[in-house]
């Protein structure tokens, strides 16, 4: 009886140990599985970001291109046009600035050539430094005009100067004088009149002038020294490229007067889309342009006269 009881006790203890071992293996296996799961999950690399844009931007999966353009971002829409025109904008009005009477002071001419953006120089053919200034300007890529002496209505009893085109000249003398001036200044793109309040009122003289200019593919700028000028009308009849002066900048040399003309230039440019300004090689004008050109460029495009004529 005693041995049977001992046998039953050993059997019971053995079952308890087996149950404990099984439970231990089960718990240990569970802990091991949990640890391995945590290890693999923490070591897994993160998914790459598909879009280089703010997370608030939703992209429909139906619009994605599966051939490699997935995540491509369309260009942003253009901003609405502001009231202020940016410098260099193609929509800005054009302004051409001509500096007349060049040829007497080479250093002053170089100072005008240094202005940015470049202006147009109009050179008097009989001036002592005319060729030098014209060559330097052309070498810098600056537009050059011939400032052609033409007969005024009144000269206060003075000779209008050697080489002036006169209404009384015969056709041969007129053309010879004109061609002499045209060949004297290198690299010119066009012509504008110096004086000329009498000659620009004569249809036959302007027609003769334009006939010669057309042969050389040159344009004409009417300086408008008289309100009775016929230059634009004759040019239109002959299909001659022409422009007309809008404003004289420095008829008065005070900074206040030039500022008023400047504002007038801007108003005309906004209204018509362009303006042609004529100024002269004065120290006061140079100072004014140095100070105001940058501000002007924020509202208009400074261009060559050819860009307006054409």
Protein backbone atom coordinates (compact mmCIF):
# COMPACT_ATOMS: atom_id res chain seq x y z
CA UNK A 1 0.00 0.00 0.00
CA UNK A 2 2.84 2.35 0.97
CA UNK A 3 4.70 1.72 -2.28
CA UNK A 4 1.54 2.31 -4.29
CA UNK A 5 1.05 5.68 -2.59
CA UNK A 6 4.64 6.70 -3.23
CA UNK A 7 4.20 5.74 -6.90
CA UNK A 8 1.09 7.87 -7.22
CA UNK A 9 2.89 10.80 -5.56
CA UNK A 10 5.83 10.59 -7.93
CA UNK A 11 3.46 10.40 -10.91
CA UNK A 12 1.58 13.48 -9.69
CA UNK A 13 4.79 15.46 -9.16
CA UNK A 14 6.03 14.45 -12.63
CA UNK A 15 2.80 15.68 -14.24
CA UNK A 16 3.09 18.98 -12.34
CA UNK A 17 6.70 19.41 -13.55
CA UNK A 18 5.66 18.64 -17.14
CA UNK A 19 2.81 21.15 -16.91
CA UNK A 20 5.14 23.77 -15.44
CA UNK A 21 7.72 23.11 -18.18
CA UNK A 22 5.04 23.35 -20.91
CA UNK A 23 3.74 26.56 -19.39
CA UNK A 24 7.26 27.92 -19.13
CA UNK A 25 7.98 27.04 -22.74
CA UNK A 26 4.71 28.63 -23.84
CA UNK A 27 5.38 31.84 -21.92
CA UNK A 28 9.02 31.91 -23.02
CA UNK A 29 8.07 31.32 -26.65
CA UNK A 30 5.53 34.12 -26.47
CA UNK A 31 8.07 36.52 -24.99
CA UNK A 32 10.63 35.50 -27.61
CA UNK A 33 8.10 36.06 -30.44
CA UNK A 34 7.19 39.45 -29.01
CA UNK A 35 10.84 40.49 -28.75
CA UNK A 36 11.60 39.34 -32.30
CA UNK A 37 8.55 41.20 -33.63
CA UNK A 38 9.61 44.40 -31.93
CA UNK A 39 13.14 44.00 -33.26
CA UNK A 40 12.07 43.55 -36.87
CA UNK A 41 9.48 46.29 -36.73
CA UNK A 42 11.88 48.85 -35.24
CA UNK A 43 14.63 48.04 -37.77
CA UNK A 44 12.39 48.33 -40.88
CA UNK A 45 13.27 51.35 -43.07
CA UNK A 46 10.63 54.06 -43.47
CA UNK A 47 8.66 54.39 -46.70
CA UNK A 48 10.10 57.05 -49.12
CA UNK A 49 8.16 60.28 -49.52
CA UNK A 50 6.65 60.43 -52.99
CA UNK A 51 5.91 64.17 -53.23
CA UNK A 52 8.08 67.17 -52.71
CA UNK A 53 5.20 69.40 -51.75
CA UNK A 54 3.24 70.40 -48.63
CA UNK A 55 1.43 67.55 -46.92
CA UNK A 56 -1.83 69.50 -47.07
CA UNK A 57 -1.89 69.13 -50.86
CA UNK A 58 -4.09 66.16 -51.83
CA UNK A 59 -3.24 64.24 -54.99
CA UNK A 60 -5.75 61.85 -56.50
CA UNK A 61 -4.33 58.39 -57.22
CA UNK A 62 -6.44 58.29 -60.40
CA UNK A 63 -4.32 61.11 -61.91
CA UNK A 64 -0.98 59.53 -61.20
CA UNK A 65 1.05 58.39 -64.20
CA UNK A 66 2.31 54.85 -63.65
CA UNK A 67 5.15 55.21 -66.20
CA UNK A 68 7.47 57.18 -64.01
CA UNK A 69 5.84 60.62 -63.68
CA UNK A 70 4.14 59.70 -60.44
CA UNK A 71 4.29 62.62 -58.05
CA UNK A 72 5.14 65.20 -60.71
CA UNK A 73 3.99 68.64 -59.66
CA UNK A 74 2.35 70.94 -62.18
CA UNK A 75 3.86 74.45 -62.57
CA UNK A 76 2.13 76.98 -60.34
CA UNK A 77 -0.31 79.34 -61.93
CA UNK A 78 1.03 82.77 -62.85
CA UNK A 79 0.37 85.39 -60.25
CA UNK A 80 -2.24 87.97 -61.06
CA UNK A 81 -0.75 91.09 -62.68
CA UNK A 82 -0.03 93.67 -60.07
CA UNK A 83 -0.54 97.37 -60.55
CA UNK A 84 3.23 97.85 -60.55
CA UNK A 85 5.04 96.69 -63.67
CA UNK A 86 8.22 94.74 -63.09
CA UNK A 87 11.44 95.92 -64.70
CA UNK A 88 11.96 94.44 -68.14
CA UNK A 89 8.34 93.30 -68.48
CA UNK A 90 7.28 92.94 -72.11
CA UNK A 91 3.98 94.62 -71.27
CA UNK A 92 5.61 97.80 -69.96
CA UNK A 93 5.42 100.91 -72.15
CA UNK A 94 8.51 101.80 -74.18
CA UNK A 95 10.59 104.96 -73.75
CA UNK A 96 13.48 105.99 -76.00
CA UNK A 97 15.80 108.75 -74.78
CA UNK A 98 17.84 110.66 -77.38
CA UNK A 99 20.73 112.92 -76.38
CA UNK A 100 21.03 115.55 -79.13
CA UNK A 101 23.88 117.87 -80.12
CA UNK A 102 26.65 115.37 -79.48
CA UNK A 103 30.11 116.01 -80.92
CA UNK A 104 31.64 118.91 -79.00
CA UNK A 105 32.58 117.43 -75.61
CA UNK A 106 33.99 113.91 -75.83
CA UNK A 107 34.30 113.44 -72.06
CA UNK A 108 30.71 114.46 -71.46
CA UNK A 109 29.59 112.15 -74.24
CA UNK A 110 31.42 109.26 -72.54
CA UNK A 111 29.64 110.09 -69.27
CA UNK A 112 26.28 109.72 -71.04
CA UNK A 113 27.50 106.46 -72.58
CA UNK A 114 28.14 105.12 -69.08
CA UNK A 115 24.48 105.48 -68.11
CA UNK A 116 22.52 102.27 -67.70
CA UNK A 117 20.51 101.42 -69.66
CA UNK A 118 22.22 102.91 -72.71
CA UNK A 119 20.61 105.91 -74.39
CA UNK A 120 20.62 106.97 -78.05
CA UNK A 121 23.20 109.56 -79.12
CA UNK A 122 22.46 111.98 -81.97
CA UNK A 123 25.66 113.44 -83.39
CA UNK A 124 26.09 116.75 -85.23
CA UNK A 125 28.02 116.02 -88.44
CA UNK A 126 30.19 119.17 -88.39
CA UNK A 127 31.17 118.94 -84.69
CA UNK A 128 34.91 118.47 -83.97
CA UNK A 129 34.57 115.15 -82.08
CA UNK A 130 31.63 113.77 -84.07
CA UNK A 131 33.39 110.75 -85.58
CA UNK A 132 35.21 109.84 -82.37
CA UNK A 133 32.05 109.88 -80.30
CA UNK A 134 30.07 107.97 -82.92
CA UNK A 135 32.72 105.25 -83.17
CA UNK A 136 32.92 104.84 -79.41
CA UNK A 137 29.15 104.67 -79.12
CA UNK A 138 28.84 102.07 -81.89
CA UNK A 139 31.65 100.09 -80.28
CA UNK A 140 29.63 99.93 -77.05
CA UNK A 141 26.52 98.82 -78.91
CA UNK A 142 24.79 102.20 -78.46
CA UNK A 143 22.35 103.42 -81.08
CA UNK A 144 23.64 106.45 -83.03
CA UNK A 145 21.66 108.98 -85.08
CA UNK A 146 22.74 111.77 -87.40
CA UNK A 147 21.57 115.09 -85.95
CA UNK A 148 20.93 116.69 -89.31
CA UNK A 149 21.12 120.53 -89.52
CA UNK A 150 17.96 121.82 -91.21
CA UNK A 151 16.86 125.38 -91.86
CA UNK A 152 14.89 127.09 -89.06
CA UNK A 153 12.25 129.78 -89.57
CA UNK A 154 14.16 132.37 -87.62
CA UNK A 155 17.87 132.49 -86.91
CA UNK A 156 17.95 135.90 -85.26
CA UNK A 157 19.89 137.23 -88.19
CA UNK A 158 22.61 134.59 -87.78
CA UNK A 159 23.77 132.06 -90.32
CA UNK A 160 22.23 128.71 -89.35
CA UNK A 161 25.65 127.13 -89.87
CA UNK A 162 27.71 125.41 -92.50
CA UNK A 163 26.13 122.32 -93.97
CA UNK A 164 22.54 123.26 -93.08
CA UNK A 165 19.94 121.94 -95.50
CA UNK A 166 18.13 124.98 -96.90
CA UNK A 167 14.74 125.27 -98.53
CA UNK A 168 16.19 127.29 -101.42
CA UNK A 169 18.71 124.59 -102.40
CA UNK A 170 18.25 122.86 -105.71
CA UNK A 171 17.67 119.14 -105.64
CA UNK A 172 21.25 118.27 -106.61
CA UNK A 173 22.80 120.51 -103.94
CA UNK A 174 20.29 119.32 -101.34
CA UNK A 175 21.04 115.65 -101.99
CA UNK A 176 24.81 116.23 -102.16
CA UNK A 177 24.81 118.06 -98.83
CA UNK A 178 22.63 115.40 -97.23
CA UNK A 179 24.76 112.50 -98.46
CA UNK A 180 27.90 114.24 -97.27
CA UNK A 181 26.48 114.32 -93.72
CA UNK A 182 25.22 110.74 -93.92
CA UNK A 183 28.66 109.44 -94.90
CA UNK A 184 30.43 111.58 -92.30
CA UNK A 185 29.06 109.82 -89.20
CA UNK A 186 29.78 106.06 -88.95
CA UNK A 187 27.25 103.48 -87.84
CA UNK A 188 24.09 105.60 -87.85
CA UNK A 189 20.69 103.89 -87.71
CA UNK A 190 18.56 106.94 -88.35
CA UNK A 191 18.32 110.72 -88.57
CA UNK A 192 16.63 113.44 -86.53
CA UNK A 193 16.47 117.13 -87.32
CA UNK A 194 18.59 119.82 -85.70
CA UNK A 195 16.52 123.04 -85.91
CA UNK A 196 14.38 122.54 -89.03
CA UNK A 197 11.27 124.53 -88.10
CA UNK A 198 11.14 125.84 -91.70
CA UNK A 199 12.25 122.77 -93.63
CA UNK A 200 9.97 120.28 -91.82
CA UNK A 201 6.99 122.33 -93.02
CA UNK A 202 7.99 121.86 -96.69
CA UNK A 203 6.42 118.75 -98.22
CA UNK A 204 8.70 118.65 -101.26
CA UNK A 205 11.87 119.00 -99.16
CA UNK A 206 10.78 116.28 -96.71
CA UNK A 207 9.86 113.97 -99.59
CA UNK A 208 13.32 114.48 -101.09
CA UNK A 209 14.95 113.82 -97.72
CA UNK A 210 12.94 110.64 -97.14
CA UNK A 211 13.69 109.36 -100.62
CA UNK A 212 17.42 109.42 -99.82
CA UNK A 213 16.99 107.95 -96.34
CA UNK A 214 14.96 105.04 -97.68
CA UNK A 215 17.80 104.16 -100.05
CA UNK A 216 20.03 103.67 -97.00
CA UNK A 217 17.34 101.94 -94.87
CA UNK A 218 17.43 104.70 -92.27
CA UNK A 219 14.50 105.92 -90.16
CA UNK A 220 13.62 109.52 -89.29
CA UNK A 221 12.76 111.07 -85.93
CA UNK A 222 10.88 114.34 -86.13
CA UNK A 223 12.19 116.56 -83.35
CA UNK A 224 8.99 118.61 -83.75
CA UNK A 225 10.50 122.07 -83.67
CA UNK A 226 7.27 123.43 -85.20
CA UNK A 227 3.63 122.47 -84.68
CA UNK A 228 3.11 122.73 -88.46
CA UNK A 229 5.53 119.90 -89.27
CA UNK A 230 4.48 117.64 -92.13
CA UNK A 231 7.14 114.98 -91.49
CA UNK A 232 4.84 112.24 -90.16
CA UNK A 233 2.23 112.72 -92.88
CA UNK A 234 4.77 112.68 -95.73
CA UNK A 235 6.50 109.68 -94.15
CA UNK A 236 3.21 107.78 -93.99
CA UNK A 237 2.51 108.52 -97.66
CA UNK A 238 5.98 107.25 -98.60
CA UNK A 239 5.90 104.31 -96.16
CA UNK A 240 8.94 105.75 -94.48
CA UNK A 241 9.70 104.54 -90.91
CA UNK A 242 9.28 107.54 -88.62
CA UNK A 243 8.83 108.53 -84.98
CA UNK A 244 8.07 111.88 -83.36
CA UNK A 245 9.47 113.53 -80.29
CA UNK A 246 7.08 113.38 -77.34
CA UNK A 247 8.89 115.53 -74.76
CA UNK A 248 11.88 117.84 -74.52
CA UNK A 249 13.32 116.89 -71.14
CA UNK A 250 15.63 119.82 -70.48
CA UNK A 251 14.17 122.90 -72.16
CA UNK A 252 14.62 124.31 -68.66
CA UNK A 253 17.62 123.02 -66.71
CA UNK A 254 16.26 123.13 -63.18
CA UNK A 255 15.76 119.75 -61.54
CA UNK A 256 12.14 120.69 -60.77
CA UNK A 257 11.37 121.49 -64.42
CA UNK A 258 12.97 118.27 -65.64
CA UNK A 259 11.02 116.30 -63.03
CA UNK A 260 7.79 117.78 -64.40
CA UNK A 261 8.78 116.75 -67.95
CA UNK A 262 9.67 113.33 -66.62
CA UNK A 263 6.18 112.89 -65.20
CA UNK A 264 4.74 114.02 -68.51
CA UNK A 265 6.85 111.38 -70.26
CA UNK A 266 5.48 108.65 -68.01
CA UNK A 267 1.90 109.79 -68.56
CA UNK A 268 2.32 109.76 -72.35
CA UNK A 269 4.05 106.38 -72.30
CA UNK A 270 1.24 104.84 -70.26
CA UNK A 271 -1.39 106.34 -72.55
CA UNK A 272 0.21 105.54 -75.93
CA UNK A 273 2.44 102.60 -75.05
CA UNK A 274 5.60 104.53 -75.92
CA UNK A 275 7.29 107.94 -75.74
CA UNK A 276 10.35 109.54 -77.36
CA UNK A 277 12.32 111.92 -75.13
CA UNK A 278 14.93 114.36 -76.43
CA UNK A 279 17.54 115.80 -74.07
CA UNK A 280 20.85 117.59 -74.50
CA UNK A 281 24.43 117.15 -73.22
CA UNK A 282 24.19 119.41 -70.20
CA UNK A 283 25.78 118.61 -66.84
CA UNK A 284 22.42 119.21 -65.19
CA UNK A 285 20.76 116.70 -67.52
CA UNK A 286 23.42 114.11 -66.76
CA UNK A 287 22.88 114.56 -63.01
CA UNK A 288 19.12 114.22 -63.43
CA UNK A 289 19.34 111.05 -65.52
CA UNK A 290 21.79 109.43 -63.13
CA UNK A 291 19.31 109.99 -60.33
CA UNK A 292 16.07 109.04 -62.09
CA UNK A 293 16.86 106.33 -64.64
CA UNK A 294 16.59 103.50 -62.11
CA UNK A 295 13.15 104.67 -60.99
CA UNK A 296 12.04 105.01 -64.62
CA UNK A 297 13.11 101.42 -65.35
CA UNK A 298 10.64 100.18 -62.72
CA UNK A 299 7.76 101.58 -64.76
CA UNK A 300 8.84 101.44 -68.43
CA UNK A 301 11.28 99.75 -70.77
CA UNK A 302 14.15 101.92 -71.98
CA UNK A 303 14.57 100.98 -75.65
CA UNK A 304 16.31 102.11 -78.80
CA UNK A 305 14.43 104.45 -81.09
CA UNK A 306 14.44 101.65 -83.68
CA UNK A 307 12.27 99.57 -81.33
CA UNK A 308 9.60 102.25 -81.43
CA UNK A 309 9.91 103.11 -85.13
CA UNK A 310 9.66 99.46 -86.14
